[in-house]
Amino acid sequence: MKLAPIFAVAFSAVLSGCLSSNMSGSQLEPNQFAATQTPADSSAILGMEGGGLVGGELGDALSRRQKRLAIEAEYKALENTPAGQDVSWQDASSGRAGTVRPAQPYRVGSQDCRQYTHVIQVNGGPREARGTACRNEDGSWMLLG
């Protein structure tokens, strides 16, 4: 009787169960799905479909440069920042600034997703938006509607 092949199949089944997760199951660590290189000027950052949260009403008062800083902060927060830690950005010339706080990552099907909050300071007051994004195979993040 050959137990080695049976053991290998059983072990693989147990291991695959440990690796998959859902909203109510085990949770992923951000670096488990982070890109090996965080691109400084890549389509992955710009590929935040719709421009991330600042692509909507939240970013109406931001300049193009400020939106770029904000999108870079969103990408960094989603890609490899631990849950609950802020990623800050600031445009020194205008004083406009913001923070992005990601939640714990989770898996939906084969996609890694995260909820996050982006708060920007505009005209002395905070403006906030919340969203959920899922990571595409190419490393970009798609904001869910």
N, C-alpha and C. Protein backbone atom coordinates (compact mmCIF):
# COMPACT_ATOMS: atom_id res chain seq x y z
N MET A 1 0.85 -1.20 0.00
CA MET A 1 0.00 0.00 0.00
C MET A 1 0.87 1.24 0.00
N LYS A 2 0.63 2.15 -0.92
CA LYS A 2 1.44 3.35 -1.04
C LYS A 2 0.71 4.52 -0.39
N LEU A 3 1.19 4.94 0.77
CA LEU A 3 0.55 6.03 1.50
C LEU A 3 1.08 7.40 1.08
N ALA A 4 2.27 7.45 0.53
CA ALA A 4 2.87 8.74 0.17
C ALA A 4 1.99 9.53 -0.80
N PRO A 5 1.49 8.95 -1.92
CA PRO A 5 0.64 9.74 -2.82
C PRO A 5 -0.66 10.16 -2.15
N ILE A 6 -1.24 9.28 -1.33
CA ILE A 6 -2.49 9.64 -0.64
C ILE A 6 -2.24 10.77 0.34
N PHE A 7 -1.14 10.68 1.08
CA PHE A 7 -0.78 11.74 2.03
C PHE A 7 -0.54 13.06 1.30
N ALA A 8 0.14 13.02 0.16
CA ALA A 8 0.43 14.24 -0.60
C ALA A 8 -0.86 14.91 -1.07
N VAL A 9 -1.81 14.11 -1.54
CA VAL A 9 -3.09 14.67 -1.99
C VAL A 9 -3.85 15.25 -0.82
N ALA A 10 -3.90 14.53 0.29
CA ALA A 10 -4.62 15.02 1.48
C ALA A 10 -3.97 16.29 2.01
N PHE A 11 -2.64 16.31 2.06
CA PHE A 11 -1.93 17.49 2.55
C PHE A 11 -2.18 18.69 1.64
N SER A 12 -2.18 18.48 0.33
CA SER A 12 -2.45 19.56 -0.61
C SER A 12 -3.85 20.12 -0.42
N ALA A 13 -4.82 19.24 -0.18
CA ALA A 13 -6.20 19.69 0.02
C ALA A 13 -6.30 20.53 1.29
N VAL A 14 -5.64 20.10 2.36
CA VAL A 14 -5.66 20.87 3.62
C VAL A 14 -4.97 22.21 3.41
N LEU A 15 -3.82 22.19 2.76
CA LEU A 15 -3.07 23.42 2.53
C LEU A 15 -3.86 24.39 1.67
N SER A 16 -4.52 23.93 0.62
CA SER A 16 -5.29 24.84 -0.23
C SER A 16 -6.44 25.45 0.55
N GLY A 17 -7.02 24.72 1.46
CA GLY A 17 -8.08 25.26 2.31
C GLY A 17 -7.57 26.36 3.21
N CYS A 18 -6.32 26.25 3.65
CA CYS A 18 -5.72 27.28 4.51
C CYS A 18 -5.40 28.54 3.73
N LEU A 19 -5.10 28.38 2.45
CA LEU A 19 -4.71 29.54 1.67
C LEU A 19 -5.88 30.35 1.16
N SER A 20 -7.03 29.72 0.99
CA SER A 20 -8.17 30.47 0.51
C SER A 20 -8.87 31.11 1.69
N SER A 21 -9.47 32.26 1.45
CA SER A 21 -10.18 32.95 2.53
C SER A 21 -11.36 33.68 1.94
N ASN A 22 -12.23 34.10 2.82
CA ASN A 22 -13.35 34.94 2.41
C ASN A 22 -13.56 35.96 3.49
N MET A 23 -14.61 36.75 3.39
CA MET A 23 -14.82 37.82 4.35
C MET A 23 -14.92 37.31 5.77
N SER A 24 -15.46 36.15 5.99
CA SER A 24 -15.63 35.65 7.34
C SER A 24 -14.51 34.70 7.74
N GLY A 25 -13.62 34.35 6.82
CA GLY A 25 -12.55 33.41 7.11
C GLY A 25 -11.26 34.11 7.49
N SER A 26 -10.15 33.41 7.27
CA SER A 26 -8.86 33.98 7.61
C SER A 26 -8.59 35.19 6.75
N GLN A 27 -7.74 36.05 7.26
CA GLN A 27 -7.50 37.31 6.56
C GLN A 27 -6.08 37.34 5.99
N LEU A 28 -5.92 38.04 4.90
CA LEU A 28 -4.64 38.13 4.21
C LEU A 28 -3.79 39.24 4.80
N GLU A 29 -2.51 39.07 4.73
CA GLU A 29 -1.59 40.14 5.07
C GLU A 29 -1.31 40.91 3.78
N PRO A 30 -1.16 42.24 3.85
CA PRO A 30 -0.96 43.01 2.62
C PRO A 30 0.21 42.53 1.77
N ASN A 31 1.32 42.14 2.38
CA ASN A 31 2.49 41.76 1.58
C ASN A 31 2.32 40.41 0.90
N GLN A 32 1.24 39.68 1.15
CA GLN A 32 1.01 38.43 0.47
C GLN A 32 0.62 38.64 -0.99
N PHE A 33 0.12 39.80 -1.34
CA PHE A 33 -0.26 40.03 -2.72
C PHE A 33 0.34 41.29 -3.29
N ALA A 34 1.25 41.91 -2.58
CA ALA A 34 1.88 43.14 -3.06
C ALA A 34 2.78 42.84 -4.25
N ALA A 35 2.85 43.79 -5.14
CA ALA A 35 3.74 43.65 -6.29
C ALA A 35 5.17 43.62 -5.78
N THR A 36 6.04 42.95 -6.50
CA THR A 36 7.42 42.86 -6.07
C THR A 36 8.11 44.21 -6.14
N GLN A 37 7.65 45.08 -7.00
CA GLN A 37 8.19 46.43 -7.09
C GLN A 37 7.02 47.40 -7.09
N THR A 38 7.13 48.44 -6.27
CA THR A 38 6.11 49.47 -6.31
C THR A 38 6.53 50.47 -7.37
N PRO A 39 5.82 50.53 -8.47
CA PRO A 39 6.21 51.41 -9.56
C PRO A 39 6.02 52.87 -9.22
N ALA A 40 7.00 53.70 -9.55
CA ALA A 40 6.92 55.13 -9.27
C ALA A 40 6.07 55.84 -10.31
N ASP A 41 6.14 55.41 -11.54
CA ASP A 41 5.40 56.08 -12.59
C ASP A 41 4.79 55.02 -13.51
N SER A 42 4.02 54.15 -12.95
CA SER A 42 3.55 53.04 -13.76
C SER A 42 2.07 53.10 -14.02
N SER A 43 1.65 52.26 -14.93
CA SER A 43 0.23 52.17 -15.23
C SER A 43 -0.53 51.56 -14.07
N ALA A 44 0.17 50.84 -13.16
CA ALA A 44 -0.51 50.27 -12.00
C ALA A 44 -1.05 51.37 -11.11
N ILE A 45 -0.25 52.40 -10.86
CA ILE A 45 -0.71 53.52 -10.04
C ILE A 45 -1.78 54.29 -10.81
N LEU A 46 -1.50 54.61 -12.05
CA LEU A 46 -2.46 55.36 -12.85
C LEU A 46 -3.65 54.49 -13.21
N GLY A 47 -3.48 53.17 -13.09
CA GLY A 47 -4.53 52.25 -13.44
C GLY A 47 -5.60 52.10 -12.37
N MET A 48 -5.56 52.93 -11.35
CA MET A 48 -6.66 52.92 -10.39
C MET A 48 -7.85 53.46 -11.15
N GLU A 49 -8.61 52.51 -11.68
CA GLU A 49 -9.69 52.85 -12.60
C GLU A 49 -10.60 53.92 -12.02
N GLY A 50 -10.83 54.95 -12.79
CA GLY A 50 -11.66 56.06 -12.34
C GLY A 50 -10.91 57.04 -11.46
N GLY A 51 -9.60 56.82 -11.27
CA GLY A 51 -8.82 57.75 -10.46
C GLY A 51 -8.98 57.55 -8.97
N GLY A 52 -9.35 56.36 -8.55
CA GLY A 52 -9.52 56.11 -7.13
C GLY A 52 -10.64 56.95 -6.56
N LEU A 53 -10.62 57.12 -5.24
CA LEU A 53 -11.66 57.92 -4.60
C LEU A 53 -11.57 59.39 -4.99
N VAL A 54 -10.36 59.89 -5.29
CA VAL A 54 -10.22 61.29 -5.66
C VAL A 54 -10.67 61.54 -7.10
N GLY A 55 -10.99 60.48 -7.84
CA GLY A 55 -11.53 60.63 -9.18
C GLY A 55 -12.99 61.05 -9.16
N GLY A 56 -13.61 60.96 -8.00
CA GLY A 56 -15.01 61.35 -7.84
C GLY A 56 -15.12 62.72 -7.20
N GLU A 57 -16.22 62.94 -6.48
CA GLU A 57 -16.48 64.24 -5.86
C GLU A 57 -15.40 64.65 -4.86
N LEU A 58 -14.81 63.69 -4.19
CA LEU A 58 -13.78 64.01 -3.20
C LEU A 58 -12.66 64.85 -3.80
N GLY A 59 -12.29 64.57 -5.03
CA GLY A 59 -11.17 65.26 -5.65
C GLY A 59 -11.52 66.47 -6.49
N ASP A 60 -12.79 66.90 -6.47
CA ASP A 60 -13.20 68.03 -7.30
C ASP A 60 -12.37 69.29 -7.09
N ALA A 61 -11.94 69.53 -5.86
CA ALA A 61 -11.21 70.76 -5.55
C ALA A 61 -9.70 70.61 -5.69
N LEU A 62 -9.23 69.45 -6.13
CA LEU A 62 -7.80 69.20 -6.22
C LEU A 62 -7.27 69.49 -7.62
N SER A 63 -6.04 69.97 -7.65
CA SER A 63 -5.35 70.18 -8.93
C SER A 63 -4.89 68.82 -9.46
N ARG A 64 -4.40 68.80 -10.67
CA ARG A 64 -3.91 67.57 -11.28
C ARG A 64 -2.76 66.98 -10.46
N ARG A 65 -1.85 67.83 -10.02
CA ARG A 65 -0.71 67.39 -9.19
C ARG A 65 -1.20 66.80 -7.87
N GLN A 66 -2.16 67.46 -7.25
CA GLN A 66 -2.69 66.98 -5.97
C GLN A 66 -3.40 65.64 -6.15
N LYS A 67 -4.12 65.49 -7.24
CA LYS A 67 -4.78 64.21 -7.51
C LYS A 67 -3.74 63.10 -7.69
N ARG A 68 -2.65 63.42 -8.37
CA ARG A 68 -1.58 62.43 -8.57
C ARG A 68 -1.01 62.00 -7.21
N LEU A 69 -0.73 62.95 -6.33
CA LEU A 69 -0.23 62.64 -4.99
C LEU A 69 -1.24 61.78 -4.22
N ALA A 70 -2.51 62.13 -4.34
CA ALA A 70 -3.57 61.40 -3.64
C ALA A 70 -3.71 59.97 -4.18
N ILE A 71 -3.65 59.81 -5.50
CA ILE A 71 -3.75 58.48 -6.09
C ILE A 71 -2.55 57.62 -5.71
N GLU A 72 -1.36 58.22 -5.68
CA GLU A 72 -0.17 57.48 -5.25
C GLU A 72 -0.33 57.01 -3.81
N ALA A 73 -0.90 57.85 -2.96
CA ALA A 73 -1.13 57.47 -1.56
C ALA A 73 -2.15 56.34 -1.47
N GLU A 74 -3.20 56.40 -2.28
CA GLU A 74 -4.19 55.33 -2.30
C GLU A 74 -3.54 54.01 -2.72
N TYR A 75 -2.74 54.06 -3.77
CA TYR A 75 -2.08 52.86 -4.26
C TYR A 75 -1.17 52.27 -3.19
N LYS A 76 -0.37 53.11 -2.55
CA LYS A 76 0.55 52.64 -1.51
C LYS A 76 -0.24 52.03 -0.34
N ALA A 77 -1.32 52.66 0.05
CA ALA A 77 -2.14 52.16 1.15
C ALA A 77 -2.74 50.80 0.80
N LEU A 78 -3.27 50.68 -0.39
CA LEU A 78 -3.91 49.43 -0.81
C LEU A 78 -2.88 48.31 -1.01
N GLU A 79 -1.77 48.65 -1.57
CA GLU A 79 -0.79 47.65 -1.98
C GLU A 79 -0.02 47.04 -0.81
N ASN A 80 0.46 47.86 0.12
CA ASN A 80 1.33 47.25 1.12
C ASN A 80 1.34 47.92 2.49
N THR A 81 0.31 48.63 2.85
CA THR A 81 0.24 49.26 4.16
C THR A 81 -0.61 48.42 5.09
N PRO A 82 -0.12 48.16 6.30
CA PRO A 82 -0.92 47.39 7.26
C PRO A 82 -2.26 48.07 7.56
N ALA A 83 -3.25 47.27 7.85
CA ALA A 83 -4.59 47.77 8.16
C ALA A 83 -4.54 48.76 9.31
N GLY A 84 -5.27 49.88 9.14
CA GLY A 84 -5.37 50.88 10.19
C GLY A 84 -4.27 51.91 10.21
N GLN A 85 -3.23 51.75 9.39
CA GLN A 85 -2.15 52.73 9.35
C GLN A 85 -2.39 53.71 8.21
N ASP A 86 -2.15 54.98 8.50
CA ASP A 86 -2.37 56.04 7.51
C ASP A 86 -1.20 56.19 6.55
N VAL A 87 -1.53 56.50 5.32
CA VAL A 87 -0.55 56.94 4.32
C VAL A 87 -0.92 58.38 4.04
N SER A 88 0.01 59.29 4.30
CA SER A 88 -0.26 60.72 4.14
C SER A 88 0.35 61.26 2.86
N TRP A 89 -0.27 62.30 2.34
CA TRP A 89 0.28 63.03 1.21
C TRP A 89 0.05 64.52 1.46
N GLN A 90 0.91 65.36 0.87
CA GLN A 90 0.74 66.81 1.03
C GLN A 90 1.34 67.52 -0.16
N ASP A 91 0.63 68.53 -0.63
CA ASP A 91 1.14 69.43 -1.66
C ASP A 91 1.66 70.66 -0.94
N ALA A 92 2.97 70.77 -0.82
CA ALA A 92 3.59 71.84 -0.04
C ALA A 92 3.24 73.23 -0.56
N SER A 93 3.05 73.37 -1.87
CA SER A 93 2.78 74.70 -2.42
C SER A 93 1.40 75.24 -2.05
N SER A 94 0.43 74.34 -1.85
CA SER A 94 -0.92 74.80 -1.54
C SER A 94 -1.35 74.49 -0.10
N GLY A 95 -0.64 73.60 0.54
CA GLY A 95 -1.02 73.18 1.88
C GLY A 95 -2.10 72.12 1.90
N ARG A 96 -2.62 71.76 0.73
CA ARG A 96 -3.63 70.69 0.69
C ARG A 96 -2.96 69.36 1.01
N ALA A 97 -3.69 68.53 1.76
CA ALA A 97 -3.12 67.28 2.21
C ALA A 97 -4.22 66.26 2.40
N GLY A 98 -3.81 65.03 2.60
CA GLY A 98 -4.78 63.98 2.84
C GLY A 98 -4.15 62.77 3.48
N THR A 99 -5.00 61.87 3.94
CA THR A 99 -4.56 60.60 4.49
C THR A 99 -5.46 59.49 3.96
N VAL A 100 -4.85 58.36 3.73
CA VAL A 100 -5.56 57.18 3.26
C VAL A 100 -5.34 56.09 4.31
N ARG A 101 -6.43 55.49 4.78
CA ARG A 101 -6.35 54.43 5.79
C ARG A 101 -7.01 53.16 5.24
N PRO A 102 -6.19 52.13 4.96
CA PRO A 102 -6.76 50.87 4.47
C PRO A 102 -7.25 49.99 5.62
N ALA A 103 -8.24 49.17 5.31
CA ALA A 103 -8.72 48.16 6.26
C ALA A 103 -8.00 46.84 5.95
N GLN A 104 -8.35 45.82 6.69
CA GLN A 104 -7.75 44.50 6.51
C GLN A 104 -8.10 43.97 5.12
N PRO A 105 -7.12 43.41 4.40
CA PRO A 105 -7.42 42.83 3.09
C PRO A 105 -8.22 41.54 3.24
N TYR A 106 -8.96 41.22 2.19
CA TYR A 106 -9.72 39.98 2.16
C TYR A 106 -9.83 39.53 0.72
N ARG A 107 -10.23 38.29 0.53
CA ARG A 107 -10.29 37.73 -0.82
C ARG A 107 -11.74 37.49 -1.21
N VAL A 108 -12.06 37.88 -2.46
CA VAL A 108 -13.36 37.59 -3.07
C VAL A 108 -13.04 36.80 -4.34
N GLY A 109 -13.40 35.53 -4.33
CA GLY A 109 -13.03 34.68 -5.46
C GLY A 109 -11.53 34.61 -5.56
N SER A 110 -10.98 35.05 -6.69
CA SER A 110 -9.52 35.04 -6.87
C SER A 110 -8.92 36.43 -6.72
N GLN A 111 -9.72 37.42 -6.34
CA GLN A 111 -9.22 38.79 -6.21
C GLN A 111 -9.02 39.18 -4.76
N ASP A 112 -7.93 39.91 -4.53
CA ASP A 112 -7.64 40.48 -3.22
C ASP A 112 -8.25 41.87 -3.17
N CYS A 113 -8.99 42.15 -2.11
CA CYS A 113 -9.73 43.41 -2.00
C CYS A 113 -9.45 44.07 -0.65
N ARG A 114 -9.69 45.38 -0.60
CA ARG A 114 -9.57 46.14 0.64
C ARG A 114 -10.56 47.28 0.63
N GLN A 115 -11.12 47.55 1.79
CA GLN A 115 -11.88 48.78 1.97
C GLN A 115 -10.87 49.83 2.43
N TYR A 116 -11.17 51.09 2.15
CA TYR A 116 -10.29 52.15 2.61
C TYR A 116 -11.03 53.47 2.72
N THR A 117 -10.44 54.38 3.48
CA THR A 117 -10.99 55.71 3.69
C THR A 117 -9.94 56.72 3.27
N HIS A 118 -10.37 57.75 2.54
CA HIS A 118 -9.48 58.83 2.12
C HIS A 118 -10.06 60.14 2.65
N VAL A 119 -9.27 60.85 3.45
CA VAL A 119 -9.69 62.14 4.00
C VAL A 119 -8.74 63.19 3.44
N ILE A 120 -9.30 64.25 2.85
CA ILE A 120 -8.47 65.36 2.36
C ILE A 120 -8.86 66.63 3.10
N GLN A 121 -7.89 67.52 3.23
CA GLN A 121 -8.11 68.83 3.85
C GLN A 121 -8.24 69.85 2.73
N VAL A 122 -9.42 70.44 2.60
CA VAL A 122 -9.69 71.43 1.57
C VAL A 122 -10.31 72.65 2.25
N ASN A 123 -9.71 73.82 2.02
CA ASN A 123 -10.23 75.07 2.58
C ASN A 123 -10.44 74.98 4.08
N GLY A 124 -9.48 74.37 4.77
CA GLY A 124 -9.52 74.30 6.22
C GLY A 124 -10.40 73.23 6.82
N GLY A 125 -11.11 72.49 5.99
CA GLY A 125 -12.00 71.46 6.53
C GLY A 125 -11.77 70.11 5.90
N PRO A 126 -12.11 69.04 6.62
CA PRO A 126 -11.92 67.70 6.07
C PRO A 126 -13.06 67.28 5.15
N ARG A 127 -12.72 66.56 4.11
CA ARG A 127 -13.69 65.89 3.23
C ARG A 127 -13.30 64.43 3.20
N GLU A 128 -14.28 63.54 3.32
CA GLU A 128 -13.99 62.12 3.43
C GLU A 128 -14.79 61.29 2.43
N ALA A 129 -14.14 60.24 1.94
CA ALA A 129 -14.82 59.26 1.10
C ALA A 129 -14.33 57.87 1.49
N ARG A 130 -15.23 56.91 1.36
CA ARG A 130 -14.89 55.52 1.64
C ARG A 130 -15.15 54.69 0.40
N GLY A 131 -14.35 53.67 0.22
CA GLY A 131 -14.54 52.81 -0.94
C GLY A 131 -13.92 51.45 -0.72
N THR A 132 -14.12 50.59 -1.70
CA THR A 132 -13.53 49.26 -1.73
C THR A 132 -12.88 49.08 -3.08
N ALA A 133 -11.67 48.55 -3.07
CA ALA A 133 -10.96 48.29 -4.32
C ALA A 133 -10.46 46.86 -4.33
N CYS A 134 -10.41 46.28 -5.53
CA CYS A 134 -9.89 44.92 -5.71
C CYS A 134 -8.71 44.98 -6.67
N ARG A 135 -7.72 44.16 -6.40
CA ARG A 135 -6.48 44.16 -7.18
C ARG A 135 -6.63 43.30 -8.42
N ASN A 136 -6.29 43.88 -9.57
CA ASN A 136 -6.30 43.16 -10.85
C ASN A 136 -5.00 42.38 -11.02
N GLU A 137 -4.98 41.46 -11.96
CA GLU A 137 -3.79 40.65 -12.21
C GLU A 137 -2.59 41.49 -12.60
N ASP A 138 -2.80 42.64 -13.25
CA ASP A 138 -1.69 43.48 -13.69
C ASP A 138 -1.15 44.38 -12.57
N GLY A 139 -1.70 44.25 -11.35
CA GLY A 139 -1.21 45.05 -10.23
C GLY A 139 -1.98 46.33 -9.99
N SER A 140 -2.88 46.68 -10.89
CA SER A 140 -3.69 47.87 -10.69
C SER A 140 -4.85 47.55 -9.74
N TRP A 141 -5.47 48.56 -9.21
CA TRP A 141 -6.61 48.39 -8.31
C TRP A 141 -7.84 48.98 -8.95
N MET A 142 -8.96 48.29 -8.86
CA MET A 142 -10.20 48.75 -9.44
C MET A 142 -11.15 49.09 -8.30
N LEU A 143 -11.59 50.35 -8.28
CA LEU A 143 -12.55 50.80 -7.29
C LEU A 143 -13.92 50.21 -7.61
N LEU A 144 -14.53 49.59 -6.63
CA LEU A 144 -15.85 49.01 -6.84
C LEU A 144 -16.90 50.09 -6.66
N GLY A 145 -17.97 50.03 -7.45
CA GLY A 145 -19.03 51.04 -7.44
C GLY A 145 -19.82 51.02 -6.22
